[in-house]
């Protein structure tokens, strides 16, 4: 369930900025494949990666886990 919430929220905030996965990956210092895997809930992201994504999107980390 947590993976699905993270996936949904990362995609939501990325789309809100009209960013492709490549741009978020660049800003979060990871690969586009990492972003794709996170958005598709394929594997749990590390806390560092979640923090980098949240910072890139300009949101607090906890917002990526809200229903």
N, C-alpha and C. Protein backbone atom coordinates (compact mmCIF):
# COMPACT_ATOMS: atom_id res chain seq x y z
N UNK A 1 0.82 -1.20 0.00
CA UNK A 1 0.00 0.00 0.00
C UNK A 1 0.87 1.26 0.00
N UNK A 2 1.92 1.27 0.80
CA UNK A 2 2.81 2.44 0.87
C UNK A 2 3.46 2.69 -0.48
N UNK A 3 3.86 1.61 -1.17
CA UNK A 3 4.48 1.77 -2.49
C UNK A 3 3.51 2.40 -3.47
N UNK A 4 2.25 1.99 -3.39
CA UNK A 4 1.25 2.54 -4.31
C UNK A 4 0.97 4.01 -4.01
N UNK A 5 0.96 4.39 -2.74
CA UNK A 5 0.77 5.80 -2.38
C UNK A 5 1.94 6.64 -2.89
N UNK A 6 3.15 6.14 -2.67
CA UNK A 6 4.33 6.85 -3.16
C UNK A 6 4.27 6.98 -4.68
N UNK A 7 3.95 5.91 -5.35
CA UNK A 7 3.87 5.91 -6.82
C UNK A 7 2.85 6.95 -7.31
N UNK A 8 1.68 6.92 -6.72
CA UNK A 8 0.61 7.84 -7.14
C UNK A 8 1.01 9.29 -6.90
N UNK A 9 1.60 9.56 -5.75
CA UNK A 9 1.93 10.93 -5.40
C UNK A 9 3.13 11.48 -6.17
N UNK A 10 4.12 10.65 -6.41
CA UNK A 10 5.26 11.11 -7.23
C UNK A 10 4.76 11.47 -8.62
N UNK A 11 3.93 10.60 -9.20
CA UNK A 11 3.38 10.88 -10.53
C UNK A 11 2.53 12.15 -10.51
N UNK A 12 1.69 12.29 -9.47
CA UNK A 12 0.82 13.46 -9.36
C UNK A 12 1.62 14.76 -9.34
N UNK A 13 2.62 14.83 -8.46
CA UNK A 13 3.39 16.07 -8.33
C UNK A 13 4.27 16.31 -9.57
N UNK A 14 4.74 15.25 -10.18
CA UNK A 14 5.52 15.41 -11.42
C UNK A 14 4.64 15.95 -12.54
N UNK A 15 3.46 15.38 -12.67
CA UNK A 15 2.54 15.84 -13.72
C UNK A 15 2.06 17.26 -13.45
N UNK A 16 1.91 17.61 -12.20
CA UNK A 16 1.50 18.97 -11.83
C UNK A 16 2.51 20.00 -12.33
N UNK A 17 3.78 19.60 -12.40
CA UNK A 17 4.83 20.49 -12.90
C UNK A 17 5.03 20.34 -14.42
N UNK A 18 4.26 19.44 -15.03
CA UNK A 18 4.41 19.15 -16.46
C UNK A 18 5.81 18.69 -16.81
N UNK A 19 6.39 17.90 -15.94
CA UNK A 19 7.74 17.38 -16.16
C UNK A 19 7.68 15.96 -16.69
N UNK A 20 8.50 15.64 -17.68
CA UNK A 20 8.66 14.23 -18.05
C UNK A 20 9.50 13.53 -16.98
N UNK A 21 9.50 12.24 -16.98
CA UNK A 21 10.28 11.49 -16.00
C UNK A 21 11.77 11.86 -16.07
N UNK A 22 12.25 12.15 -17.26
CA UNK A 22 13.65 12.50 -17.44
C UNK A 22 14.03 13.75 -16.64
N UNK A 23 13.16 14.75 -16.64
CA UNK A 23 13.47 15.99 -15.92
C UNK A 23 13.48 15.75 -14.42
N UNK A 24 12.50 15.00 -13.91
CA UNK A 24 12.49 14.69 -12.49
C UNK A 24 13.73 13.89 -12.11
N UNK A 25 14.10 12.94 -12.94
CA UNK A 25 15.28 12.12 -12.66
C UNK A 25 16.53 13.00 -12.59
N UNK A 26 16.65 13.92 -13.52
CA UNK A 26 17.80 14.83 -13.53
C UNK A 26 17.84 15.67 -12.25
N UNK A 27 16.70 16.23 -11.87
CA UNK A 27 16.64 17.09 -10.69
C UNK A 27 16.83 16.31 -9.39
N UNK A 28 16.41 15.03 -9.39
CA UNK A 28 16.51 14.20 -8.19
C UNK A 28 17.81 13.38 -8.16
N UNK A 29 18.64 13.57 -9.17
CA UNK A 29 19.93 12.89 -9.24
C UNK A 29 19.78 11.36 -9.25
N UNK A 30 18.91 10.88 -10.14
CA UNK A 30 18.76 9.44 -10.32
C UNK A 30 18.43 9.19 -11.79
N UNK A 31 18.18 7.95 -12.15
CA UNK A 31 17.89 7.64 -13.55
C UNK A 31 16.39 7.70 -13.83
N UNK A 32 16.06 7.82 -15.11
CA UNK A 32 14.66 7.82 -15.51
C UNK A 32 14.04 6.46 -15.16
N UNK A 33 14.83 5.40 -15.28
CA UNK A 33 14.33 4.07 -14.92
C UNK A 33 13.95 3.99 -13.45
N UNK A 34 14.73 4.66 -12.59
CA UNK A 34 14.37 4.70 -11.16
C UNK A 34 13.02 5.36 -10.96
N UNK A 35 12.81 6.49 -11.63
CA UNK A 35 11.53 7.20 -11.51
C UNK A 35 10.40 6.33 -12.02
N UNK A 36 10.61 5.70 -13.16
CA UNK A 36 9.59 4.82 -13.73
C UNK A 36 9.26 3.67 -12.77
N UNK A 37 10.29 3.05 -12.21
CA UNK A 37 10.06 1.95 -11.27
C UNK A 37 9.31 2.41 -10.02
N UNK A 38 9.63 3.60 -9.54
CA UNK A 38 8.94 4.13 -8.36
C UNK A 38 7.48 4.44 -8.70
N UNK A 39 7.26 5.07 -9.85
CA UNK A 39 5.89 5.42 -10.25
C UNK A 39 5.04 4.19 -10.57
N UNK A 40 5.68 3.09 -10.85
CA UNK A 40 4.95 1.84 -11.12
C UNK A 40 4.99 0.89 -9.93
N UNK A 41 5.45 1.39 -8.79
CA UNK A 41 5.51 0.63 -7.53
C UNK A 41 6.22 -0.71 -7.71
N UNK A 42 7.30 -0.71 -8.48
CA UNK A 42 8.04 -1.96 -8.72
C UNK A 42 8.98 -2.33 -7.59
N UNK A 43 9.49 -1.33 -6.88
CA UNK A 43 10.37 -1.61 -5.77
C UNK A 43 10.34 -0.46 -4.78
N UNK A 44 10.68 -0.71 -3.52
CA UNK A 44 10.69 0.39 -2.54
C UNK A 44 11.91 1.29 -2.76
N UNK A 45 11.68 2.57 -2.74
CA UNK A 45 12.76 3.54 -2.89
C UNK A 45 13.44 3.76 -1.55
N UNK A 46 14.72 4.08 -1.59
CA UNK A 46 15.42 4.39 -0.35
C UNK A 46 14.92 5.73 0.18
N UNK A 47 15.14 5.97 1.45
CA UNK A 47 14.72 7.24 2.04
C UNK A 47 15.47 8.41 1.41
N UNK A 48 16.73 8.20 1.07
CA UNK A 48 17.51 9.26 0.42
C UNK A 48 16.89 9.60 -0.93
N UNK A 49 16.52 8.57 -1.69
CA UNK A 49 15.92 8.80 -3.00
C UNK A 49 14.58 9.52 -2.88
N UNK A 50 13.77 9.11 -1.89
CA UNK A 50 12.48 9.77 -1.66
C UNK A 50 12.70 11.23 -1.29
N UNK A 51 13.68 11.48 -0.45
CA UNK A 51 13.98 12.86 -0.06
C UNK A 51 14.45 13.68 -1.27
N UNK A 52 15.29 13.10 -2.10
CA UNK A 52 15.75 13.81 -3.31
C UNK A 52 14.60 14.11 -4.26
N UNK A 53 13.69 13.17 -4.40
CA UNK A 53 12.52 13.38 -5.27
C UNK A 53 11.63 14.47 -4.69
N UNK A 54 11.38 14.41 -3.40
CA UNK A 54 10.54 15.43 -2.75
C UNK A 54 11.17 16.81 -2.92
N UNK A 55 12.47 16.92 -2.70
CA UNK A 55 13.15 18.21 -2.87
C UNK A 55 13.06 18.70 -4.31
N UNK A 56 13.25 17.81 -5.26
CA UNK A 56 13.16 18.18 -6.67
C UNK A 56 11.76 18.68 -7.02
N UNK A 57 10.75 18.05 -6.43
CA UNK A 57 9.36 18.44 -6.70
C UNK A 57 8.91 19.63 -5.86
N UNK A 58 9.70 19.99 -4.87
CA UNK A 58 9.35 21.13 -4.01
C UNK A 58 8.24 20.83 -3.03
N UNK A 59 8.18 19.57 -2.56
CA UNK A 59 7.15 19.20 -1.58
C UNK A 59 7.83 18.56 -0.38
N UNK A 60 7.14 18.57 0.76
CA UNK A 60 7.64 17.88 1.95
C UNK A 60 7.54 16.38 1.72
N UNK A 61 8.48 15.65 2.27
CA UNK A 61 8.54 14.19 2.09
C UNK A 61 7.22 13.54 2.49
N UNK A 62 6.65 13.95 3.59
CA UNK A 62 5.43 13.29 4.08
C UNK A 62 4.29 13.37 3.07
N UNK A 63 4.27 14.40 2.24
CA UNK A 63 3.19 14.54 1.26
C UNK A 63 3.22 13.42 0.20
N UNK A 64 4.38 12.81 0.02
CA UNK A 64 4.48 11.72 -0.95
C UNK A 64 3.86 10.44 -0.41
N UNK A 65 3.47 10.43 0.87
CA UNK A 65 2.89 9.24 1.47
C UNK A 65 1.45 9.44 1.93
N UNK A 66 0.86 10.58 1.60
CA UNK A 66 -0.52 10.85 2.00
C UNK A 66 -1.51 10.19 1.02
N UNK A 67 -2.61 9.67 1.55
CA UNK A 67 -3.63 9.10 0.65
C UNK A 67 -4.36 10.16 -0.14
